[in-house]
Amino acid sequence: MASVIFYPDKEKNGKALLLISFTFNHKRLRLSSGVHTPVAKWDQEAQKIKPVKDFADENKRLRDTVNFFLD
């Protein structure tokens, strides 16, 4: 089964680049998502930036990325 997880890279000026960890058949691929987020607003459990209404474009990009990998 495949899984896609986002996690913040090193914090710089209060923001961090979200990295992607894609796992399939016990193989892992790590890539940059190209999305920067304030570290304090990243919700690791929900895998989204909160408040959702303020970061709608970024969260849509993350959902599209997950859908791309899982397709």
PDB file of N, CA and C in Angstrom:
ATOM      1  N   MET A   1       0.833  -1.183   0.000  1.00  0.00           N
ATOM      2  CA  MET A   1       0.000   0.000   0.000  1.00  0.00           C
ATOM      3  C   MET A   1       0.873   1.240   0.000  1.00  0.00           C
ATOM      4  N   ALA A   2       0.469   2.233  -0.743  1.00  0.00           N
ATOM      5  CA  ALA A   2       1.228   3.476  -0.856  1.00  0.00           C
ATOM      6  C   ALA A   2       0.811   4.464   0.222  1.00  0.00           C
ATOM      7  N   SER A   3       1.757   5.311   0.621  1.00  0.00           N
ATOM      8  CA  SER A   3       1.441   6.379   1.569  1.00  0.00           C
ATOM      9  C   SER A   3       2.205   7.637   1.180  1.00  0.00           C
ATOM     10  N   VAL A   4       1.576   8.760   1.427  1.00  0.00           N
ATOM     11  CA  VAL A   4       2.175  10.070   1.166  1.00  0.00           C
ATOM     12  C   VAL A   4       2.087  10.870   2.453  1.00  0.00           C
ATOM     13  N   ILE A   5       3.235  11.334   2.935  1.00  0.00           N
ATOM     14  CA  ILE A   5       3.291  12.115   4.169  1.00  0.00           C
ATOM     15  C   ILE A   5       4.098  13.370   3.907  1.00  0.00           C
ATOM     16  N   PHE A   6       3.588  14.492   4.389  1.00  0.00           N
ATOM     17  CA  PHE A   6       4.311  15.758   4.309  1.00  0.00           C
ATOM     18  C   PHE A   6       4.947  16.034   5.663  1.00  0.00           C
ATOM     19  N   TYR A   7       6.117  16.641   5.638  1.00  0.00           N
ATOM     20  CA  TYR A   7       6.752  17.044   6.888  1.00  0.00           C
ATOM     21  C   TYR A   7       7.611  18.272   6.624  1.00  0.00           C
ATOM     22  N   PRO A   8       7.688  19.181   7.595  1.00  0.00           N
ATOM     23  CA  PRO A   8       8.450  20.415   7.393  1.00  0.00           C
ATOM     24  C   PRO A   8       9.955  20.165   7.468  1.00  0.00           C
ATOM     25  N   ASP A   9      10.657  20.868   6.602  1.00  0.00           N
ATOM     26  CA  ASP A   9      12.121  20.846   6.614  1.00  0.00           C
ATOM     27  C   ASP A   9      12.584  21.869   7.651  1.00  0.00           C
ATOM     28  N   LYS A  10      13.831  22.232   7.626  1.00  0.00           N
ATOM     29  CA  LYS A  10      14.380  23.184   8.589  1.00  0.00           C
ATOM     30  C   LYS A  10      13.665  24.530   8.490  1.00  0.00           C
ATOM     31  N   GLU A  11      13.401  25.094   9.667  1.00  0.00           N
ATOM     32  CA  GLU A  11      12.729  26.382   9.753  1.00  0.00           C
ATOM     33  C   GLU A  11      13.690  27.508   9.403  1.00  0.00           C
ATOM     34  N   LYS A  12      13.204  28.457   8.605  1.00  0.00           N
ATOM     35  CA  LYS A  12      14.007  29.621   8.237  1.00  0.00           C
ATOM     36  C   LYS A  12      13.064  30.813   8.179  1.00  0.00           C
ATOM     37  N   ASN A  13      13.322  31.810   8.998  1.00  0.00           N
ATOM     38  CA  ASN A  13      12.489  33.008   9.078  1.00  0.00           C
ATOM     39  C   ASN A  13      11.031  32.678   9.410  1.00  0.00           C
ATOM     40  N   GLY A  14      10.807  31.686  10.257  1.00  0.00           N
ATOM     41  CA  GLY A  14       9.463  31.321  10.676  1.00  0.00           C
ATOM     42  C   GLY A  14       8.704  30.434   9.712  1.00  0.00           C
ATOM     43  N   LYS A  15       9.288  30.142   8.557  1.00  0.00           N
ATOM     44  CA  LYS A  15       8.635  29.279   7.565  1.00  0.00           C
ATOM     45  C   LYS A  15       9.515  28.065   7.279  1.00  0.00           C
ATOM     46  N   ALA A  16       8.863  27.025   6.785  1.00  0.00           N
ATOM     47  CA  ALA A  16       9.592  25.813   6.423  1.00  0.00           C
ATOM     48  C   ALA A  16       9.031  25.267   5.117  1.00  0.00           C
ATOM     49  N   LEU A  17       9.886  24.657   4.338  1.00  0.00           N
ATOM     50  CA  LEU A  17       9.481  23.985   3.115  1.00  0.00           C
ATOM     51  C   LEU A  17       8.912  22.629   3.484  1.00  0.00           C
ATOM     52  N   LEU A  18       7.753  22.285   2.930  1.00  0.00           N
ATOM     53  CA  LEU A  18       7.173  20.972   3.196  1.00  0.00           C
ATOM     54  C   LEU A  18       7.786  19.953   2.248  1.00  0.00           C
ATOM     55  N   LEU A  19       8.297  18.883   2.808  1.00  0.00           N
ATOM     56  CA  LEU A  19       8.864  17.797   2.031  1.00  0.00           C
ATOM     57  C   LEU A  19       7.850  16.669   1.942  1.00  0.00           C
ATOM     58  N   ILE A  20       7.961  15.861   0.888  1.00  0.00           N
ATOM     59  CA  ILE A  20       7.059  14.735   0.663  1.00  0.00           C
ATOM     60  C   ILE A  20       7.827  13.447   0.895  1.00  0.00           C
ATOM     61  N   SER A  21       7.219  12.539   1.618  1.00  0.00           N
ATOM     62  CA  SER A  21       7.755  11.191   1.761  1.00  0.00           C
ATOM     63  C   SER A  21       6.722  10.244   1.158  1.00  0.00           C
ATOM     64  N   PHE A  22       7.053   9.673   0.008  1.00  0.00           N
ATOM     65  CA  PHE A  22       6.168   8.750  -0.694  1.00  0.00           C
ATOM     66  C   PHE A  22       6.735   7.350  -0.525  1.00  0.00           C
ATOM     67  N   THR A  23       5.929   6.447   0.030  1.00  0.00           N
ATOM     68  CA  THR A  23       6.368   5.073   0.259  1.00  0.00           C
ATOM     69  C   THR A  23       5.465   4.122  -0.520  1.00  0.00           C
ATOM     70  N   PHE A  24       6.118   3.188  -1.255  1.00  0.00           N
ATOM     71  CA  PHE A  24       5.389   2.192  -2.030  1.00  0.00           C
ATOM     72  C   PHE A  24       6.255   0.942  -2.127  1.00  0.00           C
ATOM     73  N   ASN A  25       5.691  -0.201  -1.775  1.00  0.00           N
ATOM     74  CA  ASN A  25       6.426  -1.476  -1.786  1.00  0.00           C
ATOM     75  C   ASN A  25       7.749  -1.398  -1.020  1.00  0.00           C
ATOM     76  N   HIS A  26       7.697  -0.804   0.142  1.00  0.00           N
ATOM     77  CA  HIS A  26       8.868  -0.682   1.029  1.00  0.00           C
ATOM     78  C   HIS A  26       9.994   0.147   0.421  1.00  0.00           C
ATOM     79  N   LYS A  27       9.698   0.940  -0.573  1.00  0.00           N
ATOM     80  CA  LYS A  27      10.667   1.879  -1.165  1.00  0.00           C
ATOM     81  C   LYS A  27      10.192   3.283  -0.826  1.00  0.00           C
ATOM     82  N   ARG A  28      11.131   4.166  -0.507  1.00  0.00           N
ATOM     83  CA  ARG A  28      10.792   5.523  -0.118  1.00  0.00           C
ATOM     84  C   ARG A  28      11.405   6.519  -1.088  1.00  0.00           C
ATOM     85  N   LEU A  29      10.590   7.499  -1.446  1.00  0.00           N
ATOM     86  CA  LEU A  29      11.026   8.597  -2.299  1.00  0.00           C
ATOM     87  C   LEU A  29      10.754   9.882  -1.539  1.00  0.00           C
ATOM     88  N   ARG A  30      11.756  10.722  -1.442  1.00  0.00           N
ATOM     89  CA  ARG A  30      11.599  11.997  -0.744  1.00  0.00           C
ATOM     90  C   ARG A  30      11.824  13.126  -1.726  1.00  0.00           C
ATOM     91  N   LEU A  31      10.854  14.051  -1.753  1.00  0.00           N
ATOM     92  CA  LEU A  31      10.879  15.169  -2.688  1.00  0.00           C
ATOM     93  C   LEU A  31      10.438  16.451  -1.994  1.00  0.00           C
ATOM     94  N   SER A  32      10.695  17.570  -2.655  1.00  0.00           N
ATOM     95  CA  SER A  32      10.192  18.854  -2.193  1.00  0.00           C
ATOM     96  C   SER A  32       8.788  19.066  -2.747  1.00  0.00           C
ATOM     97  N   SER A  33       7.905  19.614  -1.933  1.00  0.00           N
ATOM     98  CA  SER A  33       6.550  19.911  -2.405  1.00  0.00           C
ATOM     99  C   SER A  33       6.490  21.282  -3.064  1.00  0.00           C
ATOM    100  N   GLY A  34       7.458  22.131  -2.772  1.00  0.00           N
ATOM    101  CA  GLY A  34       7.442  23.488  -3.295  1.00  0.00           C
ATOM    102  C   GLY A  34       6.546  24.422  -2.506  1.00  0.00           C
ATOM    103  N   VAL A  35       5.961  23.925  -1.419  1.00  0.00           N
ATOM    104  CA  VAL A  35       5.057  24.724  -0.590  1.00  0.00           C
ATOM    105  C   VAL A  35       5.788  25.113   0.688  1.00  0.00           C
ATOM    106  N   HIS A  36       5.806  26.421   0.963  1.00  0.00           N
ATOM    107  CA  HIS A  36       6.371  26.929   2.208  1.00  0.00           C
ATOM    108  C   HIS A  36       5.229  27.269   3.146  1.00  0.00           C
ATOM    109  N   THR A  37       5.398  26.958   4.423  1.00  0.00           N
ATOM    110  CA  THR A  37       4.347  27.214   5.401  1.00  0.00           C
ATOM    111  C   THR A  37       4.942  27.733   6.706  1.00  0.00           C
ATOM    112  N   PRO A  38       4.192  28.597   7.400  1.00  0.00           N
ATOM    113  CA  PRO A  38       4.628  28.954   8.750  1.00  0.00           C
ATOM    114  C   PRO A  38       4.612  27.696   9.619  1.00  0.00           C
ATOM    115  N   VAL A  39       5.680  27.422  10.305  1.00  0.00           N
ATOM    116  CA  VAL A  39       5.816  26.188  11.086  1.00  0.00           C
ATOM    117  C   VAL A  39       4.720  26.071  12.137  1.00  0.00           C
ATOM    118  N   ALA A  40       4.364  27.176  12.759  1.00  0.00           N
ATOM    119  CA  ALA A  40       3.349  27.148  13.822  1.00  0.00           C
ATOM    120  C   ALA A  40       1.958  26.805  13.280  1.00  0.00           C
ATOM    121  N   LYS A  41       1.727  26.970  12.005  1.00  0.00           N
ATOM    122  CA  LYS A  41       0.401  26.714  11.429  1.00  0.00           C
ATOM    123  C   LYS A  41       0.278  25.339  10.786  1.00  0.00           C
ATOM    124  N   TRP A  42       1.361  24.570  10.723  1.00  0.00           N
ATOM    125  CA  TRP A  42       1.320  23.241  10.116  1.00  0.00           C
ATOM    126  C   TRP A  42       0.748  22.241  11.110  1.00  0.00           C
ATOM    127  N   ASP A  43      -0.276  21.503  10.684  1.00  0.00           N
ATOM    128  CA  ASP A  43      -0.897  20.466  11.504  1.00  0.00           C
ATOM    129  C   ASP A  43      -0.430  19.111  10.965  1.00  0.00           C
ATOM    130  N   GLN A  44       0.519  18.491  11.623  1.00  0.00           N
ATOM    131  CA  GLN A  44       1.118  17.238  11.157  1.00  0.00           C
ATOM    132  C   GLN A  44       0.097  16.101  11.110  1.00  0.00           C
ATOM    133  N   GLU A  45      -0.767  16.040  12.099  1.00  0.00           N
ATOM    134  CA  GLU A  45      -1.737  14.952  12.153  1.00  0.00           C
ATOM    135  C   GLU A  45      -2.758  15.040  11.021  1.00  0.00           C
ATOM    136  N   ALA A  46      -3.259  16.253  10.752  1.00  0.00           N
ATOM    137  CA  ALA A  46      -4.261  16.434   9.697  1.00  0.00           C
ATOM    138  C   ALA A  46      -3.618  16.607   8.326  1.00  0.00           C
ATOM    139  N   GLN A  47      -2.311  16.825   8.285  1.00  0.00           N
ATOM    140  CA  GLN A  47      -1.565  17.025   7.038  1.00  0.00           C
ATOM    141  C   GLN A  47      -2.093  18.217   6.252  1.00  0.00           C
ATOM    142  N   LYS A  48      -2.321  19.338   6.957  1.00  0.00           N
ATOM    143  CA  LYS A  48      -2.759  20.560   6.298  1.00  0.00           C
ATOM    144  C   LYS A  48      -2.317  21.774   7.086  1.00  0.00           C
ATOM    145  N   ILE A  49      -2.393  22.914   6.423  1.00  0.00           N
ATOM    146  CA  ILE A  49      -2.017  24.178   7.046  1.00  0.00           C
ATOM    147  C   ILE A  49      -3.298  24.806   7.593  1.00  0.00           C
ATOM    148  N   LYS A  50      -3.259  25.229   8.831  1.00  0.00           N
ATOM    149  CA  LYS A  50      -4.437  25.825   9.458  1.00  0.00           C
ATOM    150  C   LYS A  50      -4.177  27.284   9.783  1.00  0.00           C
ATOM    151  N   PRO A  51      -5.154  28.164   9.764  1.00  0.00           N
ATOM    152  CA  PRO A  51      -6.548  27.926   9.435  1.00  0.00           C
ATOM    153  C   PRO A  51      -6.731  27.669   7.936  1.00  0.00           C
ATOM    154  N   VAL A  52      -7.583  26.736   7.633  1.00  0.00           N
ATOM    155  CA  VAL A  52      -7.757  26.258   6.260  1.00  0.00           C
ATOM    156  C   VAL A  52      -8.183  27.370   5.319  1.00  0.00           C
ATOM    157  N   LYS A  53      -9.057  28.268   5.757  1.00  0.00           N
ATOM    158  CA  LYS A  53      -9.549  29.319   4.862  1.00  0.00           C
ATOM    159  C   LYS A  53      -8.437  30.286   4.438  1.00  0.00           C
ATOM    160  N   ASP A  54      -7.436  30.481   5.279  1.00  0.00           N
ATOM    161  CA  ASP A  54      -6.329  31.378   4.938  1.00  0.00           C
ATOM    162  C   ASP A  54      -5.305  30.727   4.018  1.00  0.00           C
ATOM    163  N   PHE A  55      -5.267  29.409   3.987  1.00  0.00           N
ATOM    164  CA  PHE A  55      -4.277  28.684   3.190  1.00  0.00           C
ATOM    165  C   PHE A  55      -4.947  27.712   2.221  1.00  0.00           C
ATOM    166  N   ALA A  56      -6.059  28.125   1.645  1.00  0.00           N
ATOM    167  CA  ALA A  56      -6.833  27.257   0.754  1.00  0.00           C
ATOM    168  C   ALA A  56      -6.019  26.822  -0.464  1.00  0.00           C
ATOM    169  N   ASP A  57      -5.279  27.740  -1.076  1.00  0.00           N
ATOM    170  CA  ASP A  57      -4.499  27.397  -2.267  1.00  0.00           C
ATOM    171  C   ASP A  57      -3.395  26.395  -1.952  1.00  0.00           C
ATOM    172  N   GLU A  58      -2.704  26.620  -0.835  1.00  0.00           N
ATOM    173  CA  GLU A  58      -1.626  25.718  -0.449  1.00  0.00           C
ATOM    174  C   GLU A  58      -2.160  24.328  -0.114  1.00  0.00           C
ATOM    175  N   ASN A  59      -3.284  24.273   0.623  1.00  0.00           N
ATOM    176  CA  ASN A  59      -3.861  22.981   0.978  1.00  0.00           C
ATOM    177  C   ASN A  59      -4.385  22.247  -0.255  1.00  0.00           C
ATOM    178  N   LYS A  60      -4.923  22.978  -1.228  1.00  0.00           N
ATOM    179  CA  LYS A  60      -5.370  22.352  -2.472  1.00  0.00           C
ATOM    180  C   LYS A  60      -4.180  21.754  -3.213  1.00  0.00           C
ATOM    181  N   ARG A  61      -3.072  22.478  -3.227  1.00  0.00           N
ATOM    182  CA  ARG A  61      -1.864  21.959  -3.888  1.00  0.00           C
ATOM    183  C   ARG A  61      -1.380  20.674  -3.210  1.00  0.00           C
ATOM    184  N   LEU A  62      -1.450  20.631  -1.885  1.00  0.00           N
ATOM    185  CA  LEU A  62      -1.046  19.424  -1.159  1.00  0.00           C
ATOM    186  C   LEU A  62      -1.981  18.260  -1.477  1.00  0.00           C
ATOM    187  N   ARG A  63      -3.303  18.508  -1.511  1.00  0.00           N
ATOM    188  CA  ARG A  63      -4.269  17.450  -1.866  1.00  0.00           C
ATOM    189  C   ARG A  63      -4.032  16.945  -3.284  1.00  0.00           C
ATOM    190  N   ASP A  64      -3.774  17.881  -4.213  1.00  0.00           N
ATOM    191  CA  ASP A  64      -3.501  17.477  -5.602  1.00  0.00           C
ATOM    192  C   ASP A  64      -2.254  16.618  -5.698  1.00  0.00           C
ATOM    193  N   THR A  65      -1.245  16.942  -4.881  1.00  0.00           N
ATOM    194  CA  THR A  65      -0.012  16.166  -4.868  1.00  0.00           C
ATOM    195  C   THR A  65      -0.273  14.751  -4.362  1.00  0.00           C
ATOM    196  N   VAL A  66      -1.040  14.640  -3.284  1.00  0.00           N
ATOM    197  CA  VAL A  66      -1.377  13.316  -2.742  1.00  0.00           C
ATOM    198  C   VAL A  66      -2.138  12.502  -3.789  1.00  0.00           C
ATOM    199  N   ASN A  67      -3.117  13.127  -4.425  1.00  0.00           N
ATOM    200  CA  ASN A  67      -3.897  12.429  -5.447  1.00  0.00           C
ATOM    201  C   ASN A  67      -3.034  11.977  -6.607  1.00  0.00           C
ATOM    202  N   PHE A  68      -2.069  12.789  -7.015  1.00  0.00           N
ATOM    203  CA  PHE A  68      -1.165  12.433  -8.093  1.00  0.00           C
ATOM    204  C   PHE A  68      -0.372  11.182  -7.741  1.00  0.00           C
ATOM    205  N   PHE A  69       0.196  11.146  -6.553  1.00  0.00           N
ATOM    206  CA  PHE A  69       1.006  10.004  -6.153  1.00  0.00           C
ATOM    207  C   PHE A  69       0.178   8.738  -5.968  1.00  0.00           C
ATOM    208  N   LEU A  70      -1.028   8.875  -5.443  1.00  0.00           N
ATOM    209  CA  LEU A  70      -1.848   7.697  -5.197  1.00  0.00           C
ATOM    210  C   LEU A  70      -2.520   7.149  -6.463  1.00  0.00           C
ATOM    211  N   ASP A  71      -2.631   7.981  -7.485  1.00  0.00           N
ATOM    212  CA  ASP A  71      -3.181   7.502  -8.759  1.00  0.00           C
ATOM    213  C   ASP A  71      -2.127   6.687  -9.455  1.00  0.00           C
TER     214      ASP A  71
END
